[in-house]
Protein backbone atom coordinates (compact mmCIF):
# COMPACT_ATOMS: atom_id res chain seq x y z
CA UNK A 1 0.00 0.00 0.00
CA UNK A 2 1.31 3.45 -0.85
CA UNK A 3 -0.18 6.75 0.31
CA UNK A 4 0.87 10.36 0.68
CA UNK A 5 0.54 12.45 3.83
CA UNK A 6 -0.52 16.10 3.82
CA UNK A 7 3.18 16.90 4.34
CA UNK A 8 3.84 15.29 0.90
CA UNK A 9 5.77 12.44 2.52
CA UNK A 10 5.14 9.05 0.92
CA UNK A 11 4.43 6.02 3.12
CA UNK A 12 4.80 2.49 1.78
CA UNK A 13 3.53 -0.56 3.68
CA UNK A 14 4.71 -4.01 2.61
CA UNK A 15 3.07 -7.15 4.01
CA UNK A 16 5.21 -10.19 3.28
CA UNK A 17 5.10 -13.91 4.00
CA UNK A 18 8.36 -15.77 3.34
CA UNK A 19 8.26 -19.55 2.77
CA UNK A 20 8.43 -22.12 5.60
CA UNK A 21 11.16 -24.03 3.76
CA UNK A 22 14.62 -22.75 4.80
CA UNK A 23 16.27 -22.90 1.37
CA UNK A 24 13.29 -21.19 -0.29
CA UNK A 25 13.27 -18.58 2.51
CA UNK A 26 16.96 -17.72 1.92
CA UNK A 27 16.25 -17.31 -1.80
CA UNK A 28 13.15 -15.17 -1.01
CA UNK A 29 15.11 -12.73 1.21
CA UNK A 30 17.93 -12.48 -1.35
CA UNK A 31 15.46 -11.51 -4.09
CA UNK A 32 13.30 -9.21 -1.92
CA UNK A 33 13.71 -5.54 -2.92
CA UNK A 34 12.01 -2.35 -1.82
CA UNK A 35 12.63 1.18 -3.04
CA UNK A 36 14.76 3.08 -0.54
CA UNK A 37 14.41 6.79 -1.26
CA UNK A 38 14.92 9.78 1.01
CA UNK A 39 11.34 11.03 0.88
CA UNK A 40 9.75 7.58 1.35
CA UNK A 41 9.10 5.91 4.71
CA UNK A 42 8.88 2.11 4.49
CA UNK A 43 7.10 -0.32 6.81
CA UNK A 44 7.81 -3.99 6.13
CA UNK A 45 5.72 -6.38 8.21
CA UNK A 46 4.43 -9.91 8.36
CA UNK A 47 5.17 -13.46 9.45
CA UNK A 48 8.84 -13.88 8.51
CA UNK A 49 9.07 -17.58 9.52
CA UNK A 50 12.49 -16.76 10.90
CA UNK A 51 13.93 -15.37 14.16
CA UNK A 52 16.41 -12.51 14.15
CA UNK A 53 18.01 -13.49 17.46
CA UNK A 54 17.63 -17.07 18.69
CA UNK A 55 18.72 -16.16 22.25
CA UNK A 56 16.00 -13.53 22.67
CA UNK A 57 13.37 -14.62 20.14
CA UNK A 58 13.06 -18.34 20.94
CA UNK A 59 12.03 -20.05 24.17
CA UNK A 60 13.76 -23.38 23.53
CA UNK A 61 16.93 -22.17 21.85
CA UNK A 62 18.15 -24.27 18.91
CA UNK A 63 21.89 -24.79 18.38
CA UNK A 64 21.87 -22.81 15.14
CA UNK A 65 20.21 -19.69 13.79
CA UNK A 66 17.18 -20.18 11.53
CA UNK A 67 17.80 -20.74 7.83
CA UNK A 68 17.45 -17.32 6.22
CA UNK A 69 18.56 -15.42 9.35
CA UNK A 70 21.66 -13.91 7.69
CA UNK A 71 19.75 -13.08 4.52
CA UNK A 72 17.01 -11.35 6.54
CA UNK A 73 19.61 -9.33 8.47
CA UNK A 74 21.26 -8.31 5.17
CA UNK A 75 17.86 -7.21 3.80
CA UNK A 76 17.21 -5.11 6.93
CA UNK A 77 20.65 -3.49 6.82
CA UNK A 78 20.62 -2.84 3.08
CA UNK A 79 17.23 -1.13 3.30
CA UNK A 80 18.05 0.79 6.50
CA UNK A 81 15.21 -0.76 8.48
CA UNK A 82 14.74 -1.12 12.24
CA UNK A 83 13.03 -3.80 14.34
CA UNK A 84 10.89 -1.22 16.10
CA UNK A 85 9.65 -3.54 18.89
CA UNK A 86 13.18 -4.71 19.78
CA UNK A 87 14.38 -1.10 19.78
CA UNK A 88 11.77 -0.38 22.47
CA UNK A 89 12.51 -3.56 24.44
CA UNK A 90 16.20 -4.44 23.94
CA UNK A 91 16.30 -7.47 26.28
CA UNK A 92 12.66 -8.49 26.64
CA UNK A 93 11.57 -12.03 25.80
CA UNK A 94 8.07 -12.12 24.35
CA UNK A 95 6.86 -14.36 21.56
CA UNK A 96 4.43 -14.08 18.65
CA UNK A 97 4.12 -17.74 17.65
CA UNK A 98 3.52 -20.90 19.65
CA UNK A 99 3.08 -24.54 18.78
CA UNK A 100 3.18 -27.13 21.56
CA UNK A 101 6.15 -26.23 23.78
CA UNK A 102 7.84 -24.16 21.04
CA UNK A 103 7.68 -20.36 21.31
CA UNK A 104 9.27 -17.81 18.98
CA UNK A 105 9.08 -14.21 17.81
CA UNK A 106 8.81 -14.49 14.04
CA UNK A 107 6.26 -11.73 13.35
CA UNK A 108 7.84 -8.31 12.89
CA UNK A 109 7.23 -4.71 11.90
CA UNK A 110 10.38 -3.18 10.43
CA UNK A 111 10.38 0.58 9.88
CA UNK A 112 12.68 2.98 8.08
CA UNK A 113 15.44 4.15 10.40
CA UNK A 114 15.17 7.54 12.12
CA UNK A 115 11.37 7.64 12.38
CA UNK A 116 11.24 6.24 15.89
CA UNK A 117 10.18 9.62 17.29
CA UNK A 118 6.85 9.19 15.49
CA UNK A 119 6.11 5.78 16.99
CA UNK A 120 4.03 6.17 20.15
CA UNK A 121 4.19 2.47 21.03
CA UNK A 122 5.00 -0.98 19.73
CA UNK A 123 3.22 -4.01 21.21
CA UNK A 124 2.73 -7.73 20.91
CA UNK A 125 -0.96 -8.39 21.61
CA UNK A 126 -2.82 -11.63 22.28
CA UNK A 127 -4.83 -12.81 19.28
CA UNK A 128 -7.43 -15.52 20.00
CA UNK A 129 -8.09 -18.51 17.72
CA UNK A 130 -4.61 -18.37 16.15
CA UNK A 131 -1.13 -19.73 16.87
CA UNK A 132 0.21 -16.21 16.13
CA UNK A 133 -0.18 -13.10 18.26
CA UNK A 134 -0.53 -9.63 16.73
CA UNK A 135 2.22 -7.04 16.45
CA UNK A 136 1.06 -3.42 16.49
CA UNK A 137 2.52 0.06 16.39
CA UNK A 138 0.75 3.36 16.97
CA UNK A 139 2.11 6.37 15.15
CA UNK A 140 1.77 10.09 15.10
CA UNK A 141 1.74 11.07 11.43
CA UNK A 142 0.86 14.73 11.90
CA UNK A 143 3.91 16.86 11.17
CA UNK A 144 4.24 19.83 13.54
CA UNK A 145 4.14 23.24 11.92
CA UNK A 146 7.57 24.82 11.96
CA UNK A 147 8.17 28.52 12.10
CA UNK A 148 11.26 30.48 11.10
CA UNK A 149 14.42 29.90 13.09
CA UNK A 150 17.17 27.37 13.47
CA UNK A 151 17.30 23.88 14.89
CA UNK A 152 18.91 23.41 18.28
CA UNK A 153 19.43 19.99 19.82
CA UNK A 154 17.92 19.26 23.22
CA UNK A 155 20.99 17.77 24.96
CA UNK A 156 18.91 15.89 27.53
CA UNK A 157 17.72 13.55 24.76
CA UNK A 158 21.12 11.88 24.45
CA UNK A 159 20.83 10.60 28.04
CA UNK A 160 17.68 8.56 27.33
CA UNK A 161 17.80 4.79 26.75
CA UNK A 162 15.69 5.25 23.62
CA UNK A 163 18.27 7.59 22.06
CA UNK A 164 21.18 5.35 23.08
CA UNK A 165 19.55 2.23 21.59
CA UNK A 166 18.53 4.05 18.41
CA UNK A 167 21.97 5.59 17.95
CA UNK A 168 23.78 2.30 18.62
CA UNK A 169 21.65 0.51 16.01
CA UNK A 170 22.21 3.32 13.49
CA UNK A 171 25.97 3.58 14.09
CA UNK A 172 26.63 -0.18 13.76
CA UNK A 173 25.43 -0.16 10.16
CA UNK A 174 26.25 3.44 9.18
CA UNK A 175 29.98 3.32 10.04
CA UNK A 176 30.42 0.51 7.48
CA UNK A 177 29.67 3.08 4.74
CA UNK A 178 32.71 5.27 5.38
CA UNK A 179 34.77 3.65 2.60
CA UNK A 180 32.02 4.45 0.07
CA UNK A 181 32.93 8.15 0.38
CA UNK A 182 35.98 9.55 -1.42
CA UNK A 183 35.84 12.61 0.80
CA UNK A 184 35.61 11.84 4.54
CA UNK A 185 34.22 15.35 5.14
CA UNK A 186 31.20 14.42 2.99
CA UNK A 187 30.72 11.28 5.14
CA UNK A 188 30.89 13.39 8.32
CA UNK A 189 28.44 16.03 6.99
CA UNK A 190 25.91 13.31 6.12
CA UNK A 191 26.53 11.66 9.50
CA UNK A 192 25.66 14.92 11.27
CA UNK A 193 22.41 15.17 9.28
CA UNK A 194 21.47 11.60 10.21
CA UNK A 195 22.25 12.23 13.90
CA UNK A 196 20.04 15.33 13.71
CA UNK A 197 17.24 13.17 12.25
CA UNK A 198 17.62 10.70 15.12
CA UNK A 199 17.54 13.39 17.81
C-alpha atoms as a PDB file:
ATOM      1  CA  UNK A   1       0.000   0.000   0.000  1.00  0.00           C
ATOM      2  CA  UNK A   2       1.311   3.455  -0.846  1.00  0.00           C
ATOM      3  CA  UNK A   3      -0.178   6.749   0.310  1.00  0.00           C
ATOM      4  CA  UNK A   4       0.871  10.363   0.677  1.00  0.00           C
ATOM      5  CA  UNK A   5       0.537  12.454   3.826  1.00  0.00           C
ATOM      6  CA  UNK A   6      -0.516  16.099   3.823  1.00  0.00           C
ATOM      7  CA  UNK A   7       3.179  16.903   4.336  1.00  0.00           C
ATOM      8  CA  UNK A   8       3.835  15.285   0.896  1.00  0.00           C
ATOM      9  CA  UNK A   9       5.767  12.439   2.522  1.00  0.00           C
ATOM     10  CA  UNK A  10       5.140   9.054   0.918  1.00  0.00           C
ATOM     11  CA  UNK A  11       4.432   6.024   3.117  1.00  0.00           C
ATOM     12  CA  UNK A  12       4.802   2.492   1.781  1.00  0.00           C
ATOM     13  CA  UNK A  13       3.534  -0.558   3.681  1.00  0.00           C
ATOM     14  CA  UNK A  14       4.711  -4.014   2.609  1.00  0.00           C
ATOM     15  CA  UNK A  15       3.070  -7.148   4.007  1.00  0.00           C
ATOM     16  CA  UNK A  16       5.214 -10.191   3.277  1.00  0.00           C
ATOM     17  CA  UNK A  17       5.096 -13.909   4.003  1.00  0.00           C
ATOM     18  CA  UNK A  18       8.360 -15.770   3.342  1.00  0.00           C
ATOM     19  CA  UNK A  19       8.265 -19.551   2.773  1.00  0.00           C
ATOM     20  CA  UNK A  20       8.430 -22.120   5.601  1.00  0.00           C
ATOM     21  CA  UNK A  21      11.163 -24.031   3.762  1.00  0.00           C
ATOM     22  CA  UNK A  22      14.617 -22.747   4.799  1.00  0.00           C
ATOM     23  CA  UNK A  23      16.266 -22.895   1.368  1.00  0.00           C
ATOM     24  CA  UNK A  24      13.294 -21.186  -0.288  1.00  0.00           C
ATOM     25  CA  UNK A  25      13.273 -18.580   2.508  1.00  0.00           C
ATOM     26  CA  UNK A  26      16.959 -17.723   1.919  1.00  0.00           C
ATOM     27  CA  UNK A  27      16.250 -17.309  -1.799  1.00  0.00           C
ATOM     28  CA  UNK A  28      13.154 -15.175  -1.005  1.00  0.00           C
ATOM     29  CA  UNK A  29      15.108 -12.731   1.213  1.00  0.00           C
ATOM     30  CA  UNK A  30      17.931 -12.477  -1.347  1.00  0.00           C
ATOM     31  CA  UNK A  31      15.456 -11.509  -4.085  1.00  0.00           C
ATOM     32  CA  UNK A  32      13.305  -9.209  -1.924  1.00  0.00           C
ATOM     33  CA  UNK A  33      13.711  -5.542  -2.919  1.00  0.00           C
ATOM     34  CA  UNK A  34      12.007  -2.353  -1.824  1.00  0.00           C
ATOM     35  CA  UNK A  35      12.634   1.181  -3.041  1.00  0.00           C
ATOM     36  CA  UNK A  36      14.759   3.080  -0.544  1.00  0.00           C
ATOM     37  CA  UNK A  37      14.405   6.787  -1.260  1.00  0.00           C
ATOM     38  CA  UNK A  38      14.921   9.785   1.012  1.00  0.00           C
ATOM     39  CA  UNK A  39      11.339  11.027   0.879  1.00  0.00           C
ATOM     40  CA  UNK A  40       9.747   7.583   1.349  1.00  0.00           C
ATOM     41  CA  UNK A  41       9.100   5.905   4.709  1.00  0.00           C
ATOM     42  CA  UNK A  42       8.880   2.110   4.488  1.00  0.00           C
ATOM     43  CA  UNK A  43       7.097  -0.320   6.808  1.00  0.00           C
ATOM     44  CA  UNK A  44       7.811  -3.992   6.133  1.00  0.00           C
ATOM     45  CA  UNK A  45       5.718  -6.383   8.208  1.00  0.00           C
ATOM     46  CA  UNK A  46       4.428  -9.910   8.357  1.00  0.00           C
ATOM     47  CA  UNK A  47       5.168 -13.463   9.446  1.00  0.00           C
ATOM     48  CA  UNK A  48       8.842 -13.880   8.510  1.00  0.00           C
ATOM     49  CA  UNK A  49       9.067 -17.583   9.521  1.00  0.00           C
ATOM     50  CA  UNK A  50      12.490 -16.756  10.904  1.00  0.00           C
ATOM     51  CA  UNK A  51      13.930 -15.372  14.160  1.00  0.00           C
ATOM     52  CA  UNK A  52      16.413 -12.509  14.149  1.00  0.00           C
ATOM     53  CA  UNK A  53      18.009 -13.491  17.460  1.00  0.00           C
ATOM     54  CA  UNK A  54      17.632 -17.070  18.688  1.00  0.00           C
ATOM     55  CA  UNK A  55      18.720 -16.158  22.248  1.00  0.00           C
ATOM     56  CA  UNK A  56      15.999 -13.527  22.675  1.00  0.00           C
ATOM     57  CA  UNK A  57      13.373 -14.619  20.144  1.00  0.00           C
ATOM     58  CA  UNK A  58      13.059 -18.342  20.943  1.00  0.00           C
ATOM     59  CA  UNK A  59      12.027 -20.047  24.175  1.00  0.00           C
ATOM     60  CA  UNK A  60      13.762 -23.383  23.534  1.00  0.00           C
ATOM     61  CA  UNK A  61      16.927 -22.169  21.854  1.00  0.00           C
ATOM     62  CA  UNK A  62      18.151 -24.274  18.909  1.00  0.00           C
ATOM     63  CA  UNK A  63      21.887 -24.791  18.381  1.00  0.00           C
ATOM     64  CA  UNK A  64      21.872 -22.813  15.142  1.00  0.00           C
ATOM     65  CA  UNK A  65      20.215 -19.691  13.788  1.00  0.00           C
ATOM     66  CA  UNK A  66      17.184 -20.180  11.534  1.00  0.00           C
ATOM     67  CA  UNK A  67      17.798 -20.738   7.829  1.00  0.00           C
ATOM     68  CA  UNK A  68      17.450 -17.319   6.219  1.00  0.00           C
ATOM     69  CA  UNK A  69      18.564 -15.424   9.355  1.00  0.00           C
ATOM     70  CA  UNK A  70      21.661 -13.914   7.689  1.00  0.00           C
ATOM     71  CA  UNK A  71      19.751 -13.081   4.522  1.00  0.00           C
ATOM     72  CA  UNK A  72      17.005 -11.351   6.535  1.00  0.00           C
ATOM     73  CA  UNK A  73      19.614  -9.331   8.467  1.00  0.00           C
ATOM     74  CA  UNK A  74      21.256  -8.313   5.168  1.00  0.00           C
ATOM     75  CA  UNK A  75      17.863  -7.214   3.796  1.00  0.00           C
ATOM     76  CA  UNK A  76      17.207  -5.113   6.931  1.00  0.00           C
ATOM     77  CA  UNK A  77      20.647  -3.488   6.825  1.00  0.00           C
ATOM     78  CA  UNK A  78      20.623  -2.842   3.078  1.00  0.00           C
ATOM     79  CA  UNK A  79      17.228  -1.134   3.301  1.00  0.00           C
ATOM     80  CA  UNK A  80      18.053   0.789   6.505  1.00  0.00           C
ATOM     81  CA  UNK A  81      15.207  -0.758   8.481  1.00  0.00           C
ATOM     82  CA  UNK A  82      14.743  -1.123  12.242  1.00  0.00           C
ATOM     83  CA  UNK A  83      13.030  -3.801  14.340  1.00  0.00           C
ATOM     84  CA  UNK A  84      10.891  -1.222  16.099  1.00  0.00           C
ATOM     85  CA  UNK A  85       9.653  -3.544  18.889  1.00  0.00           C
ATOM     86  CA  UNK A  86      13.177  -4.706  19.778  1.00  0.00           C
ATOM     87  CA  UNK A  87      14.375  -1.098  19.783  1.00  0.00           C
ATOM     88  CA  UNK A  88      11.775  -0.377  22.472  1.00  0.00           C
ATOM     89  CA  UNK A  89      12.506  -3.561  24.440  1.00  0.00           C
ATOM     90  CA  UNK A  90      16.200  -4.442  23.935  1.00  0.00           C
ATOM     91  CA  UNK A  91      16.303  -7.466  26.277  1.00  0.00           C
ATOM     92  CA  UNK A  92      12.663  -8.492  26.637  1.00  0.00           C
ATOM     93  CA  UNK A  93      11.574 -12.035  25.802  1.00  0.00           C
ATOM     94  CA  UNK A  94       8.069 -12.121  24.349  1.00  0.00           C
ATOM     95  CA  UNK A  95       6.864 -14.356  21.556  1.00  0.00           C
ATOM     96  CA  UNK A  96       4.426 -14.076  18.653  1.00  0.00           C
ATOM     97  CA  UNK A  97       4.118 -17.742  17.646  1.00  0.00           C
ATOM     98  CA  UNK A  98       3.521 -20.895  19.649  1.00  0.00           C
ATOM     99  CA  UNK A  99       3.083 -24.543  18.785  1.00  0.00           C
ATOM    100  CA  UNK A 100       3.184 -27.135  21.555  1.00  0.00           C
ATOM    101  CA  UNK A 101       6.148 -26.229  23.777  1.00  0.00           C
ATOM    102  CA  UNK A 102       7.835 -24.161  21.042  1.00  0.00           C
ATOM    103  CA  UNK A 103       7.682 -20.358  21.306  1.00  0.00           C
ATOM    104  CA  UNK A 104       9.274 -17.811  18.983  1.00  0.00           C
ATOM    105  CA  UNK A 105       9.077 -14.210  17.815  1.00  0.00           C
ATOM    106  CA  UNK A 106       8.810 -14.486  14.036  1.00  0.00           C
ATOM    107  CA  UNK A 107       6.263 -11.728  13.353  1.00  0.00           C
ATOM    108  CA  UNK A 108       7.837  -8.306  12.886  1.00  0.00           C
ATOM    109  CA  UNK A 109       7.225  -4.712  11.900  1.00  0.00           C
ATOM    110  CA  UNK A 110      10.379  -3.179  10.433  1.00  0.00           C
ATOM    111  CA  UNK A 111      10.376   0.576   9.878  1.00  0.00           C
ATOM    112  CA  UNK A 112      12.675   2.982   8.084  1.00  0.00           C
ATOM    113  CA  UNK A 113      15.439   4.152  10.401  1.00  0.00           C
ATOM    114  CA  UNK A 114      15.167   7.540  12.121  1.00  0.00           C
ATOM    115  CA  UNK A 115      11.371   7.644  12.378  1.00  0.00           C
ATOM    116  CA  UNK A 116      11.239   6.242  15.886  1.00  0.00           C
ATOM    117  CA  UNK A 117      10.181   9.621  17.291  1.00  0.00           C
ATOM    118  CA  UNK A 118       6.851   9.190  15.489  1.00  0.00           C
ATOM    119  CA  UNK A 119       6.109   5.781  16.985  1.00  0.00           C
ATOM    120  CA  UNK A 120       4.032   6.173  20.146  1.00  0.00           C
ATOM    121  CA  UNK A 121       4.193   2.474  21.035  1.00  0.00           C
ATOM    122  CA  UNK A 122       5.002  -0.982  19.730  1.00  0.00           C
ATOM    123  CA  UNK A 123       3.221  -4.009  21.214  1.00  0.00           C
ATOM    124  CA  UNK A 124       2.725  -7.729  20.912  1.00  0.00           C
ATOM    125  CA  UNK A 125      -0.960  -8.388  21.612  1.00  0.00           C
ATOM    126  CA  UNK A 126      -2.823 -11.633  22.284  1.00  0.00           C
ATOM    127  CA  UNK A 127      -4.827 -12.811  19.280  1.00  0.00           C
ATOM    128  CA  UNK A 128      -7.433 -15.518  19.995  1.00  0.00           C
ATOM    129  CA  UNK A 129      -8.089 -18.515  17.719  1.00  0.00           C
ATOM    130  CA  UNK A 130      -4.613 -18.369  16.149  1.00  0.00           C
ATOM    131  CA  UNK A 131      -1.135 -19.725  16.870  1.00  0.00           C
ATOM    132  CA  UNK A 132       0.213 -16.212  16.130  1.00  0.00           C
ATOM    133  CA  UNK A 133      -0.181 -13.098  18.261  1.00  0.00           C
ATOM    134  CA  UNK A 134      -0.533  -9.635  16.732  1.00  0.00           C
ATOM    135  CA  UNK A 135       2.218  -7.040  16.454  1.00  0.00           C
ATOM    136  CA  UNK A 136       1.059  -3.423  16.489  1.00  0.00           C
ATOM    137  CA  UNK A 137       2.516   0.056  16.387  1.00  0.00           C
ATOM    138  CA  UNK A 138       0.748   3.355  16.969  1.00  0.00           C
ATOM    139  CA  UNK A 139       2.105   6.368  15.151  1.00  0.00           C
ATOM    140  CA  UNK A 140       1.767  10.093  15.095  1.00  0.00           C
ATOM    141  CA  UNK A 141       1.741  11.073  11.425  1.00  0.00           C
ATOM    142  CA  UNK A 142       0.864  14.726  11.903  1.00  0.00           C
ATOM    143  CA  UNK A 143       3.911  16.859  11.171  1.00  0.00           C
ATOM    144  CA  UNK A 144       4.244  19.832  13.539  1.00  0.00           C
ATOM    145  CA  UNK A 145       4.137  23.239  11.916  1.00  0.00           C
ATOM    146  CA  UNK A 146       7.565  24.820  11.957  1.00  0.00           C
ATOM    147  CA  UNK A 147       8.169  28.523  12.101  1.00  0.00           C
ATOM    148  CA  UNK A 148      11.263  30.483  11.104  1.00  0.00           C
ATOM    149  CA  UNK A 149      14.421  29.901  13.092  1.00  0.00           C
ATOM    150  CA  UNK A 150      17.167  27.375  13.466  1.00  0.00           C
ATOM    151  CA  UNK A 151      17.301  23.876  14.886  1.00  0.00           C
ATOM    152  CA  UNK A 152      18.911  23.407  18.281  1.00  0.00           C
ATOM    153  CA  UNK A 153      19.434  19.989  19.824  1.00  0.00           C
ATOM    154  CA  UNK A 154      17.924  19.256  23.221  1.00  0.00           C
ATOM    155  CA  UNK A 155      20.985  17.770  24.965  1.00  0.00           C
ATOM    156  CA  UNK A 156      18.909  15.889  27.530  1.00  0.00           C
ATOM    157  CA  UNK A 157      17.723  13.548  24.758  1.00  0.00           C
ATOM    158  CA  UNK A 158      21.121  11.883  24.454  1.00  0.00           C
ATOM    159  CA  UNK A 159      20.829  10.604  28.040  1.00  0.00           C
ATOM    160  CA  UNK A 160      17.679   8.563  27.335  1.00  0.00           C
ATOM    161  CA  UNK A 161      17.797   4.793  26.749  1.00  0.00           C
ATOM    162  CA  UNK A 162      15.687   5.246  23.622  1.00  0.00           C
ATOM    163  CA  UNK A 163      18.265   7.592  22.061  1.00  0.00           C
ATOM    164  CA  UNK A 164      21.177   5.349  23.084  1.00  0.00           C
ATOM    165  CA  UNK A 165      19.548   2.225  21.588  1.00  0.00           C
ATOM    166  CA  UNK A 166      18.533   4.052  18.410  1.00  0.00           C
ATOM    167  CA  UNK A 167      21.970   5.594  17.951  1.00  0.00           C
ATOM    168  CA  UNK A 168      23.776   2.305  18.622  1.00  0.00           C
ATOM    169  CA  UNK A 169      21.654   0.510  16.007  1.00  0.00           C
ATOM    170  CA  UNK A 170      22.209   3.320  13.488  1.00  0.00           C
ATOM    171  CA  UNK A 171      25.972   3.579  14.092  1.00  0.00           C
ATOM    172  CA  UNK A 172      26.630  -0.181  13.761  1.00  0.00           C
ATOM    173  CA  UNK A 173      25.427  -0.162  10.163  1.00  0.00           C
ATOM    174  CA  UNK A 174      26.249   3.442   9.184  1.00  0.00           C
ATOM    175  CA  UNK A 175      29.981   3.322  10.035  1.00  0.00           C
ATOM    176  CA  UNK A 176      30.422   0.514   7.482  1.00  0.00           C
ATOM    177  CA  UNK A 177      29.665   3.084   4.739  1.00  0.00           C
ATOM    178  CA  UNK A 178      32.714   5.269   5.379  1.00  0.00           C
ATOM    179  CA  UNK A 179      34.767   3.649   2.597  1.00  0.00           C
ATOM    180  CA  UNK A 180      32.024   4.453   0.071  1.00  0.00           C
ATOM    181  CA  UNK A 181      32.934   8.145   0.379  1.00  0.00           C
ATOM    182  CA  UNK A 182      35.983   9.546  -1.415  1.00  0.00           C
ATOM    183  CA  UNK A 183      35.838  12.615   0.798  1.00  0.00           C
ATOM    184  CA  UNK A 184      35.606  11.836   4.540  1.00  0.00           C
ATOM    185  CA  UNK A 185      34.218  15.354   5.137  1.00  0.00           C
ATOM    186  CA  UNK A 186      31.195  14.418   2.986  1.00  0.00           C
ATOM    187  CA  UNK A 187      30.717  11.285   5.144  1.00  0.00           C
ATOM    188  CA  UNK A 188      30.887  13.392   8.319  1.00  0.00           C
ATOM    189  CA  UNK A 189      28.443  16.026   6.993  1.00  0.00           C
ATOM    190  CA  UNK A 190      25.910  13.310   6.119  1.00  0.00           C
ATOM    191  CA  UNK A 191      26.527  11.663   9.503  1.00  0.00           C
ATOM    192  CA  UNK A 192      25.656  14.921  11.275  1.00  0.00           C
ATOM    193  CA  UNK A 193      22.415  15.167   9.283  1.00  0.00           C
ATOM    194  CA  UNK A 194      21.467  11.605  10.214  1.00  0.00           C
ATOM    195  CA  UNK A 195      22.246  12.232  13.895  1.00  0.00           C
ATOM    196  CA  UNK A 196      20.042  15.332  13.706  1.00  0.00           C
ATOM    197  CA  UNK A 197      17.238  13.171  12.254  1.00  0.00           C
ATOM    198  CA  UNK A 198      17.618  10.698  15.121  1.00  0.00           C
ATOM    199  CA  UNK A 199      17.537  13.385  17.815  1.00  0.00           C
END
